């Protein structure tokens, strides 16, 4: 009988501990985003400094991509809808073009218009830098690849989304192509704001 009571008490204790730990956001990454000043789809300058105080979701895409980028952008539109439904107001979605020579602000704006996004002001699709700069920026800030193939319009890039906290630190990444963990992203975004 004592053993049963002990087991029940131990089980309750473990459940309490697990309940406490799961509500606390645990960063999986600790990468500092390099300072930047790039141009968005509205021809406005967006910088790391302007994003300070706001958590954001980052992704690497380009408009001539006809494989992974359209599903990634569509999936991010679904994530965005879930964020809005949750009533979260302090956030941004930042897409870095990995084909800046082609992706002008006008082309990025047109690209975004194909997706069902209600609050498009939350989106910053960025360009206005050299190819070598975005390759270096992706590697140093996000530990990811963004490399243009020689003699081709194709660019190799990651299919992840990255959560950046309000201090410009990359704290987590998620699959942005298949099995996108929308609920987890929304929960994590809420958690980093605390």
Protein backbone atom coordinates (compact mmCIF):
# COMPACT_ATOMS: atom_id res chain seq x y z
CA UNK A 1 0.00 0.00 0.00
CA UNK A 2 2.86 2.38 0.88
CA UNK A 3 4.50 1.59 -2.46
CA UNK A 4 1.28 2.47 -4.37
CA UNK A 5 0.98 5.79 -2.48
CA UNK A 6 4.62 6.58 -3.18
CA UNK A 7 4.20 5.75 -6.89
CA UNK A 8 1.08 7.96 -7.13
CA UNK A 9 2.81 10.83 -5.32
CA UNK A 10 5.88 10.45 -7.54
CA UNK A 11 3.70 10.42 -10.68
CA UNK A 12 1.88 13.61 -9.59
CA UNK A 13 5.24 15.27 -8.87
CA UNK A 14 6.58 14.33 -12.34
CA UNK A 15 3.39 15.60 -14.03
CA UNK A 16 3.68 18.93 -12.18
CA UNK A 17 7.33 19.28 -13.21
CA UNK A 18 6.64 18.42 -16.85
CA UNK A 19 3.73 20.87 -16.91
CA UNK A 20 5.99 23.63 -15.62
CA UNK A 21 8.80 22.97 -18.06
CA UNK A 22 6.65 22.75 -21.19
CA UNK A 23 5.21 26.25 -20.73
CA UNK A 24 8.69 27.79 -20.72
CA UNK A 25 10.22 28.56 -24.14
CA UNK A 26 13.56 26.86 -24.61
CA UNK A 27 15.78 28.37 -27.35
CA UNK A 28 17.39 25.79 -29.63
CA UNK A 29 19.70 28.27 -31.35
CA UNK A 30 21.68 31.31 -30.29
CA UNK A 31 22.75 33.14 -33.47
CA UNK A 32 23.17 36.90 -33.60
CA UNK A 33 21.75 38.48 -36.78
CA UNK A 34 24.27 40.79 -38.45
CA UNK A 35 23.32 44.45 -38.86
CA UNK A 36 21.57 45.09 -42.17
CA UNK A 37 19.74 47.80 -44.08
CA UNK A 38 17.79 46.45 -47.03
CA UNK A 39 14.86 47.55 -49.19
CA UNK A 40 11.40 45.98 -48.88
CA UNK A 41 8.63 45.42 -51.43
CA UNK A 42 7.24 48.90 -50.66
CA UNK A 43 10.62 50.51 -51.43
CA UNK A 44 11.17 51.29 -47.73
CA UNK A 45 14.42 50.71 -45.88
CA UNK A 46 14.17 47.95 -43.28
CA UNK A 47 17.04 47.43 -40.87
CA UNK A 48 17.88 45.21 -37.94
CA UNK A 49 17.64 48.35 -35.81
CA UNK A 50 14.05 49.01 -37.01
CA UNK A 51 13.11 45.43 -36.11
CA UNK A 52 14.53 45.68 -32.57
CA UNK A 53 11.78 45.14 -29.99
CA UNK A 54 9.79 43.00 -32.44
CA UNK A 55 10.12 39.21 -32.79
CA UNK A 56 10.11 38.03 -36.40
CA UNK A 57 9.98 34.97 -38.59
CA UNK A 58 12.60 34.82 -41.34
CA UNK A 59 12.82 32.79 -44.52
CA UNK A 60 14.97 32.75 -47.66
CA UNK A 61 13.10 32.72 -50.97
CA UNK A 62 13.19 34.10 -54.52
CA UNK A 63 10.48 34.82 -57.07
CA UNK A 64 11.91 32.84 -60.01
CA UNK A 65 11.93 29.70 -57.85
CA UNK A 66 9.27 27.28 -59.07
CA UNK A 67 9.96 24.43 -56.65
CA UNK A 68 10.14 25.06 -52.89
CA UNK A 69 9.50 28.83 -52.66
CA UNK A 70 5.80 28.93 -53.63
CA UNK A 71 4.87 26.25 -51.02
CA UNK A 72 7.10 27.95 -48.42
CA UNK A 73 5.42 31.30 -49.02
CA UNK A 74 1.96 29.71 -48.99
CA UNK A 75 2.79 27.89 -45.75
CA UNK A 76 4.03 31.15 -44.22
CA UNK A 77 0.72 32.77 -45.22
CA UNK A 78 -0.99 29.99 -43.21
CA UNK A 79 1.33 30.65 -40.26
CA UNK A 80 0.53 34.36 -40.57
CA UNK A 81 -3.22 33.66 -40.53
CA UNK A 82 -2.80 31.56 -37.36
CA UNK A 83 -0.78 34.37 -35.71
CA UNK A 84 -3.48 36.89 -36.56
CA UNK A 85 -6.21 34.55 -35.30
CA UNK A 86 -4.35 34.28 -31.98
CA UNK A 87 -4.45 38.08 -31.69
CA UNK A 88 -0.67 38.56 -31.63
CA UNK A 89 0.18 42.08 -32.79
CA UNK A 90 3.92 42.55 -32.22
CA UNK A 91 5.65 40.50 -34.95
CA UNK A 92 6.99 40.65 -38.50
CA UNK A 93 7.54 38.16 -41.30
CA UNK A 94 10.80 38.81 -43.13
CA UNK A 95 11.70 37.16 -46.42
CA UNK A 96 15.24 37.64 -47.74
CA UNK A 97 15.49 37.30 -51.51
CA UNK A 98 18.38 35.06 -52.50
CA UNK A 99 18.15 36.42 -56.07
CA UNK A 100 18.53 40.17 -55.45
CA UNK A 101 19.71 41.07 -58.97
CA UNK A 102 16.30 40.00 -60.30
CA UNK A 103 13.99 40.53 -57.31
CA UNK A 104 13.28 44.25 -57.35
CA UNK A 105 10.81 45.77 -54.85
CA UNK A 106 8.17 45.81 -57.60
CA UNK A 107 8.69 42.13 -58.43
CA UNK A 108 8.56 41.19 -54.74
CA UNK A 109 5.36 43.20 -54.28
CA UNK A 110 3.79 41.47 -57.27
CA UNK A 111 4.91 38.05 -55.97
CA UNK A 112 3.27 38.71 -52.61
CA UNK A 113 -0.01 39.69 -54.26
CA UNK A 114 -0.55 36.08 -55.40
CA UNK A 115 -0.99 34.89 -51.80
CA UNK A 116 -4.10 35.30 -49.62
CA UNK A 117 -2.57 37.64 -47.04
CA UNK A 118 -4.93 40.00 -45.23
CA UNK A 119 -2.47 42.05 -43.15
CA UNK A 120 0.32 42.46 -45.71
CA UNK A 121 1.91 45.27 -43.62
CA UNK A 122 3.41 42.55 -41.39
CA UNK A 123 5.47 41.23 -44.32
CA UNK A 124 8.89 42.56 -45.33
CA UNK A 125 10.31 40.94 -48.48
CA UNK A 126 13.84 42.27 -48.75
CA UNK A 127 16.28 42.98 -51.58
CA UNK A 128 18.83 45.66 -52.49
CA UNK A 129 22.13 43.87 -51.89
CA UNK A 130 24.70 41.92 -53.88
CA UNK A 131 24.52 38.14 -54.32
CA UNK A 132 27.75 37.66 -52.36
CA UNK A 133 26.33 39.71 -49.48
CA UNK A 134 23.19 37.58 -49.03
CA UNK A 135 25.32 34.42 -49.24
CA UNK A 136 27.55 35.70 -46.43
CA UNK A 137 24.61 37.13 -44.44
CA UNK A 138 22.68 33.82 -44.54
CA UNK A 139 25.73 31.88 -43.42
CA UNK A 140 26.85 34.24 -40.65
CA UNK A 141 23.43 35.21 -39.28
CA UNK A 142 21.41 32.02 -39.76
CA UNK A 143 24.09 29.35 -40.28
CA UNK A 144 22.38 28.48 -43.57
CA UNK A 145 23.20 28.36 -47.27
CA UNK A 146 22.08 30.79 -50.01
CA UNK A 147 24.25 30.14 -53.06
CA UNK A 148 23.53 30.95 -56.70
CA UNK A 149 24.44 28.18 -59.11
CA UNK A 150 26.97 29.23 -61.75
CA UNK A 151 25.40 29.77 -65.19
CA UNK A 152 21.85 29.32 -63.87
CA UNK A 153 18.95 31.28 -62.38
CA UNK A 154 18.69 28.67 -59.62
CA UNK A 155 19.76 29.42 -56.05
CA UNK A 156 20.38 26.77 -53.42
CA UNK A 157 18.80 27.83 -50.12
CA UNK A 158 17.34 26.39 -46.94
CA UNK A 159 13.64 25.55 -46.60
CA UNK A 160 13.50 26.50 -42.92
CA UNK A 161 11.73 29.28 -41.12
CA UNK A 162 13.73 30.98 -38.38
CA UNK A 163 12.34 32.62 -35.23
CA UNK A 164 14.28 35.76 -34.31
CA UNK A 165 13.62 37.30 -30.91
CA UNK A 166 13.15 41.01 -30.21
CA UNK A 167 16.90 41.39 -29.62
CA UNK A 168 17.90 40.09 -33.05
CA UNK A 169 18.89 36.60 -31.89
CA UNK A 170 17.87 33.54 -33.93
CA UNK A 171 16.42 31.20 -31.31
CA UNK A 172 14.73 28.40 -33.27
CA UNK A 173 14.14 26.96 -36.74
CA UNK A 174 11.25 25.01 -38.27
CA UNK A 175 10.51 23.09 -41.45
CA UNK A 176 8.91 25.59 -43.83
CA UNK A 177 8.16 23.20 -46.68
CA UNK A 178 6.35 20.11 -45.40
CA UNK A 179 4.79 19.33 -42.03
CA UNK A 180 5.03 22.96 -40.94
CA UNK A 181 4.43 23.06 -37.15
CA UNK A 182 2.04 26.04 -37.23
CA UNK A 183 0.80 25.67 -33.64
CA UNK A 184 4.34 25.37 -32.30
CA UNK A 185 5.46 28.47 -34.22
CA UNK A 186 2.53 30.51 -32.87
CA UNK A 187 3.17 29.29 -29.31
CA UNK A 188 6.89 30.05 -29.57
CA UNK A 189 6.22 33.50 -31.02
CA UNK A 190 3.93 34.28 -28.07
CA UNK A 191 6.53 32.93 -25.63
CA UNK A 192 9.46 35.04 -26.86
CA UNK A 193 7.38 38.19 -26.31
CA UNK A 194 7.23 37.61 -22.55
